[in-house]
Every structure is written in C-alpha cells, then in structure tokens.
C-alpha atoms as a PDB file:
ATOM      1  CA  MET A   1     128.081  43.483 125.685  1.00  0.00           C
ATOM      2  CA  ALA A   2     129.187  43.359 122.004  1.00  0.00           C
ATOM      3  CA  ILE A   3     131.378  46.167 120.846  1.00  0.00           C
ATOM      4  CA  VAL A   4     130.293  47.359 117.366  1.00  0.00           C
ATOM      5  CA  GLU A   5     133.213  48.327 115.248  1.00  0.00           C
ATOM      6  CA  GLN A   6     132.743  51.185 112.800  1.00  0.00           C
ATOM      7  CA  LYS A   7     133.765  50.374 109.347  1.00  0.00           C
ATOM      8  CA  PRO A   8     136.344  52.877 107.908  1.00  0.00           C
ATOM      9  CA  GLU A   9     134.186  53.223 104.666  1.00  0.00           C
ATOM     10  CA  LEU A  10     131.175  54.484 106.820  1.00  0.00           C
ATOM     11  CA  ARG A  11     133.294  57.388 108.377  1.00  0.00           C
ATOM     12  CA  LEU A  12     133.170  60.829 106.617  1.00  0.00           C
ATOM     13  CA  PRO A  13     136.561  62.452 106.111  1.00  0.00           C
ATOM     14  CA  THR A  14     136.818  65.458 108.540  1.00  0.00           C
ATOM     15  CA  ILE A  15     139.471  67.882 109.639  1.00  0.00           C
ATOM     16  CA  ALA A  16     139.887  69.256 113.049  1.00  0.00           C
ATOM     17  CA  VAL A  17     139.838  73.098 113.348  1.00  0.00           C
ATOM     18  CA  PRO A  18     141.187  74.815 116.364  1.00  0.00           C
ATOM     19  CA  VAL A  19     138.983  77.134 118.061  1.00  0.00           C
ATOM     20  CA  THR A  20     138.454  79.060 121.271  1.00  0.00           C
ATOM     21  CA  LEU A  21     134.861  78.454 122.689  1.00  0.00           C
ATOM     22  CA  VAL A  22     132.842  79.537 125.759  1.00  0.00           C
ATOM     23  CA  VAL A  23     129.955  77.668 127.079  1.00  0.00           C
ATOM     24  CA  VAL A  24     127.596  79.084 129.641  1.00  0.00           C
ATOM     25  CA  GLY A  25     129.107  79.430 133.105  1.00  0.00           C
ATOM     26  CA  HIS A  26     132.681  78.527 132.007  1.00  0.00           C
ATOM     27  CA  ALA A  27     135.835  80.178 131.071  1.00  0.00           C
ATOM     28  CA  ALA A  28     137.164  80.162 127.434  1.00  0.00           C
ATOM     29  CA  VAL A  29     138.805  77.010 126.386  1.00  0.00           C
ATOM     30  CA  THR A  30     140.848  75.929 123.411  1.00  0.00           C
ATOM     31  CA  ALA A  31     139.277  72.970 121.481  1.00  0.00           C
ATOM     32  CA  GLU A  32     138.764  71.468 117.996  1.00  0.00           C
ATOM     33  CA  LEU A  33     135.648  71.226 115.971  1.00  0.00           C
ATOM     34  CA  PHE A  34     135.370  68.800 113.225  1.00  0.00           C
ATOM     35  CA  VAL A  35     134.223  69.766 109.726  1.00  0.00           C
ATOM     36  CA  ALA A  36     134.096  67.958 106.394  1.00  0.00           C
ATOM     37  CA  ASP A  37     137.244  67.461 104.549  1.00  0.00           C
ATOM     38  CA  VAL A  38     136.316  69.190 101.401  1.00  0.00           C
ATOM     39  CA  PRO A  39     138.260  71.576  98.977  1.00  0.00           C
ATOM     40  CA  ARG A  40     137.862  75.271 100.125  1.00  0.00           C
ATOM     41  CA  GLN A  41     139.042  78.468  98.290  1.00  0.00           C
ATOM     42  CA  SER A  42     139.505  80.580 101.393  1.00  0.00           C
ATOM     43  CA  ARG A  43     139.433  80.555 105.155  1.00  0.00           C
ATOM     44  CA  SER A  44     136.132  82.528 105.034  1.00  0.00           C
ATOM     45  CA  GLN A  45     134.676  79.197 103.589  1.00  0.00           C
ATOM     46  CA  LEU A  46     135.946  77.315 106.670  1.00  0.00           C
ATOM     47  CA  LEU A  47     134.037  79.753 109.019  1.00  0.00           C
ATOM     48  CA  ASP A  48     130.997  79.216 106.591  1.00  0.00           C
ATOM     49  CA  ASP A  49     131.276  75.393 107.280  1.00  0.00           C
ATOM     50  CA  ILE A  50     131.544  75.855 111.007  1.00  0.00           C
ATOM     51  CA  ALA A  51     128.389  78.333 111.073  1.00  0.00           C
ATOM     52  CA  ALA A  52     126.467  75.730 108.938  1.00  0.00           C
ATOM     53  CA  LEU A  53     127.501  73.059 111.391  1.00  0.00           C
ATOM     54  CA  LEU A  54     126.213  75.037 114.300  1.00  0.00           C
ATOM     55  CA  ASP A  55     122.978  75.942 112.493  1.00  0.00           C
ATOM     56  CA  GLN A  56     122.180  72.220 111.622  1.00  0.00           C
ATOM     57  CA  ASP A  57     119.036  70.930 113.287  1.00  0.00           C
ATOM     58  CA  THR A  58     121.099  68.680 115.594  1.00  0.00           C
ATOM     59  CA  SER A  59     121.392  69.390 119.256  1.00  0.00           C
ATOM     60  CA  PHE A  60     124.948  68.125 120.011  1.00  0.00           C
ATOM     61  CA  LEU A  61     128.301  68.781 118.506  1.00  0.00           C
ATOM     62  CA  PRO A  62     131.573  66.760 118.851  1.00  0.00           C
ATOM     63  CA  VAL A  63     134.270  68.708 120.293  1.00  0.00           C
ATOM     64  CA  ARG A  64     137.863  67.478 121.121  1.00  0.00           C
ATOM     65  CA  GLY A  65     139.532  69.310 124.082  1.00  0.00           C
ATOM     66  CA  GLU A  66     142.076  68.442 126.725  1.00  0.00           C
ATOM     67  CA  THR A  67     140.029  65.425 128.034  1.00  0.00           C
ATOM     68  CA  GLY A  68     139.290  64.062 124.559  1.00  0.00           C
ATOM     69  CA  VAL A  69     136.094  64.120 122.505  1.00  0.00           C
ATOM     70  CA  ARG A  70     132.877  64.975 124.126  1.00  0.00           C
ATOM     71  CA  LEU A  71     129.517  65.799 122.804  1.00  0.00           C
ATOM     72  CA  LEU A  72     128.631  69.455 123.674  1.00  0.00           C
ATOM     73  CA  ALA A  73     125.049  70.829 123.739  1.00  0.00           C
ATOM     74  CA  LYS A  74     124.790  73.486 121.152  1.00  0.00           C
ATOM     75  CA  ARG A  75     122.469  75.505 123.220  1.00  0.00           C
ATOM     76  CA  SER A  76     125.246  75.832 125.860  1.00  0.00           C
ATOM     77  CA  ILE A  77     127.704  77.620 123.488  1.00  0.00           C
ATOM     78  CA  THR A  78     128.049  81.367 124.148  1.00  0.00           C
ATOM     79  CA  TRP A  79     130.608  81.886 121.305  1.00  0.00           C
ATOM     80  CA  ILE A  80     133.153  80.120 119.128  1.00  0.00           C
ATOM     81  CA  ALA A  81     136.211  81.969 117.772  1.00  0.00           C
ATOM     82  CA  VAL A  82     138.504  81.175 114.966  1.00  0.00           C
ATOM     83  CA  THR A  83     141.873  82.927 114.905  1.00  0.00           C
ATOM     84  CA  ARG A  84     142.401  84.935 111.726  1.00  0.00           C
ATOM     85  CA  ALA A  85     145.356  84.143 109.577  1.00  0.00           C
ATOM     86  CA  GLU A  86     148.187  86.626 109.879  1.00  0.00           C
ATOM     87  CA  GLU A  87     150.012  85.094 107.115  1.00  0.00           C
ATOM     88  CA  VAL A  88     148.903  83.609 103.808  1.00  0.00           C
ATOM     89  CA  ASP A  89     147.716  80.264 104.544  1.00  0.00           C
ATOM     90  CA  GLU A  90     149.581  77.524 102.500  1.00  0.00           C
ATOM     91  CA  GLU A  91     146.149  75.876 101.877  1.00  0.00           C
ATOM     92  CA  PHE A  92     144.695  79.024 100.543  1.00  0.00           C
ATOM     93  CA  ASP A  93     147.782  80.656  98.854  1.00  0.00           C
ATOM     94  CA  ASP A  94     145.667  82.962  96.557  1.00  0.00           C
ATOM     95  CA  SER A  95     142.740  83.550  98.786  1.00  0.00           C
ATOM     96  CA  PRO A  96     140.601  86.624  98.131  1.00  0.00           C
ATOM     97  CA  SER A  97     140.063  89.084 100.898  1.00  0.00           C
ATOM     98  CA  GLU A  98     137.787  87.713 103.550  1.00  0.00           C
ATOM     99  CA  VAL A  99     135.956  90.936 103.935  1.00  0.00           C
ATOM    100  CA  ILE A 100     136.105  93.309 101.029  1.00  0.00           C
ATOM    101  CA  THR A 101     135.123  90.918  98.202  1.00  0.00           C
ATOM    102  CA  LEU A 102     132.258  89.212 100.189  1.00  0.00           C
ATOM    103  CA  TYR A 103     130.194  91.868 101.919  1.00  0.00           C
ATOM    104  CA  ASP A 104     128.239  95.085 100.864  1.00  0.00           C
ATOM    105  CA  ARG A 105     127.906  96.767 104.304  1.00  0.00           C
ATOM    106  CA  ARG A 106     129.815  96.984 107.558  1.00  0.00           C
ATOM    107  CA  HIS A 107     128.395  97.730 110.977  1.00  0.00           C
ATOM    108  CA  ARG A 108     130.919  98.497 113.885  1.00  0.00           C
ATOM    109  CA  VAL A 109     129.128  97.196 116.990  1.00  0.00           C
ATOM    110  CA  ALA A 110     129.676  96.452 120.674  1.00  0.00           C
ATOM    111  CA  VAL A 111     127.889  93.238 121.746  1.00  0.00           C
ATOM    112  CA  GLU A 112     127.004  92.659 125.289  1.00  0.00           C
ATOM    113  CA  LEU A 113     126.395  88.993 126.281  1.00  0.00           C
ATOM    114  CA  VAL A 114     123.933  87.820 128.972  1.00  0.00           C
ATOM    115  CA  THR A 115     127.117  86.693 131.021  1.00  0.00           C
ATOM    116  CA  GLY A 116     128.219  90.309 131.155  1.00  0.00           C
ATOM    117  CA  GLU A 117     130.985  89.722 128.657  1.00  0.00           C
ATOM    118  CA  ALA A 118     131.436  92.434 125.908  1.00  0.00           C
ATOM    119  CA  LEU A 119     132.905  91.995 122.509  1.00  0.00           C
ATOM    120  CA  ALA A 120     133.382  94.644 119.952  1.00  0.00           C
ATOM    121  CA  GLY A 121     134.007  94.290 116.133  1.00  0.00           C
ATOM    122  CA  THR A 122     132.431  94.442 112.908  1.00  0.00           C
ATOM    123  CA  LEU A 123     129.272  92.790 111.427  1.00  0.00           C
ATOM    124  CA  PHE A 124     129.605  92.395 107.628  1.00  0.00           C
ATOM    125  CA  ASP A 125     126.517  92.107 105.597  1.00  0.00           C
ATOM    126  CA  SER A 126     125.206  91.550 102.146  1.00  0.00           C
ATOM    127  CA  SER A 127     121.448  91.702 102.902  1.00  0.00           C
ATOM    128  CA  PRO A 128     118.967  93.114 100.436  1.00  0.00           C
ATOM    129  CA  ALA A 129     118.997  96.893  99.928  1.00  0.00           C
ATOM    130  CA  ASP A 130     115.671  97.114 101.796  1.00  0.00           C
ATOM    131  CA  ARG A 131     117.208  95.367 104.806  1.00  0.00           C
ATOM    132  CA  PRO A 132     120.436  97.415 105.579  1.00  0.00           C
ATOM    133  CA  ARG A 133     120.124  97.797 109.351  1.00  0.00           C
ATOM    134  CA  VAL A 134     121.865  96.021 112.113  1.00  0.00           C
ATOM    135  CA  ILE A 135     118.571  94.751 113.408  1.00  0.00           C
ATOM    136  CA  ASP A 136     117.874  93.084 110.096  1.00  0.00           C
ATOM    137  CA  HIS A 137     121.290  91.395 110.338  1.00  0.00           C
ATOM    138  CA  LEU A 138     120.550  90.142 113.679  1.00  0.00           C
ATOM    139  CA  ASN A 139     116.931  88.923 112.894  1.00  0.00           C
ATOM    140  CA  ARG A 140     118.013  86.638 109.938  1.00  0.00           C
ATOM    141  CA  ALA A 141     117.631  82.947 110.217  1.00  0.00           C
ATOM    142  CA  GLY A 142     120.367  81.199 112.053  1.00  0.00           C
ATOM    143  CA  ARG A 143     121.312  80.582 115.629  1.00  0.00           C
ATOM    144  CA  PHE A 144     124.711  82.378 115.541  1.00  0.00           C
ATOM    145  CA  VAL A 145     125.821  85.810 114.211  1.00  0.00           C
ATOM    146  CA  ARG A 146     129.445  86.575 113.019  1.00  0.00           C
ATOM    147  CA  LEU A 147     131.577  89.197 114.501  1.00  0.00           C
ATOM    148  CA  TRP A 148     134.848  90.036 112.900  1.00  0.00           C
ATOM    149  CA  THR A 149     137.766  91.431 114.981  1.00  0.00           C
ATOM    150  CA  PRO A 150     141.361  92.050 113.738  1.00  0.00           C
ATOM    151  CA  GLU A 151     142.399  88.813 115.703  1.00  0.00           C
ATOM    152  CA  GLN A 152     139.314  86.632 115.719  1.00  0.00           C
ATOM    153  CA  GLN A 153     136.282  85.753 113.809  1.00  0.00           C
ATOM    154  CA  TYR A 154     133.500  85.012 116.237  1.00  0.00           C
ATOM    155  CA  LEU A 155     130.194  83.048 115.965  1.00  0.00           C
ATOM    156  CA  ILE A 156     128.026  84.247 118.814  1.00  0.00           C
ATOM    157  CA  ALA A 157     125.058  82.514 119.892  1.00  0.00           C
ATOM    158  CA  LYS A 158     122.089  84.900 119.351  1.00  0.00           C
ATOM    159  CA  ASP A 159     120.318  83.434 122.476  1.00  0.00           C
ATOM    160  CA  HIS A 160     123.202  84.727 124.582  1.00  0.00           C
ATOM    161  CA  ILE A 161     123.284  88.295 123.323  1.00  0.00           C
ATOM    162  CA  LEU A 162     121.732  90.859 125.694  1.00  0.00           C
ATOM    163  CA  GLU A 163     122.265  93.860 123.471  1.00  0.00           C
ATOM    164  CA  VAL A 164     124.030  95.206 120.444  1.00  0.00           C
ATOM    165  CA  ARG A 165     124.996  98.847 120.174  1.00  0.00           C
ATOM    166  CA  GLU A 166     126.259 100.362 116.930  1.00  0.00           C
ATOM    167  CA  GLN A 167     129.633 102.385 117.210  1.00  0.00           C
ATOM    168  CA  GLU A 168     130.715 105.311 115.383  1.00  0.00           C
END
C-alpha cells in the first residue's frame, strides 16, 4: 500500500483550542478542537468560530485528546465548553466586553439534558424585536445553543436538551 504524503501547501493553518466536551454516555474530558488560524478581535469570535465549525454540514470533527487525534461524530456531542478568560488575554489585549456590547437581551435559564445533567447560566440574544422569547432563541437555525456561565461558555447540542426553564 502506498502512503500518500500531504503537501504542506495544501494544509490550512489552524490553532488548537482547549475545550471540555461531553459525548453521549461518557464523562467530560479535556480535548482540543482545531479552528482556522485567522486574526480575531476577541475571545467571543473564537467561540463564534467553534460554533460555525459545529454547524457546518459535515458529520465528523477532528478532536485531539489523550490518545491523539480522533474523528468524533458531531451528533454524539452533548456539549462543549470553553473556559472564559479571567485575565486580559495577550492575544486580545483591548477586547470589548464579551457580553454587554454584543447582545440586546439576556435570559437566565436552567437547561436539563436528556442525560439528566443540568446546566444553569445565561442565554444572550440579539434577535429581532418581534422574537424576544427564549423559545425564539432556541428555535433559531443551528445545531447548538450558547450558554454563558461565569466560568465557561457552553455550546449545547439542541438535540440533547430535554427542557429549558427560565429563572428569575
């Protein structure tokens, strides 16, 4: 069998982003996802890029974990979390607020997953004025919904959500 060597000029430059992820039937693990190595103005744009990667029409995603790189079925992902920066990131030294400058509405929610796991946080939204409800936010296009907590930014697979309750 001939081994085909990939030419360096055919590779797209990427960066590895550390995440925590859960797949159906397994405990949370630390891993790395690969996103395009492009200039970004804030950490929020990095999460945008991960969300776009998850919403692409492809079925599998390369993920690097303890055992090396594997191809993970997107449909098996329950959630992915990116740790929020506590300090100013050197790469984004003058980054705007991740929340206040980007979204018009906030919804405090509790999310129960089909696995029985529960997550609580905030959904931020800038949907049209005639679509201000949580249900409008959840029913938008895309396979994943973002949930913000003080420590993590979650991308939760809508297919693995059992229910969402608004909190006061």
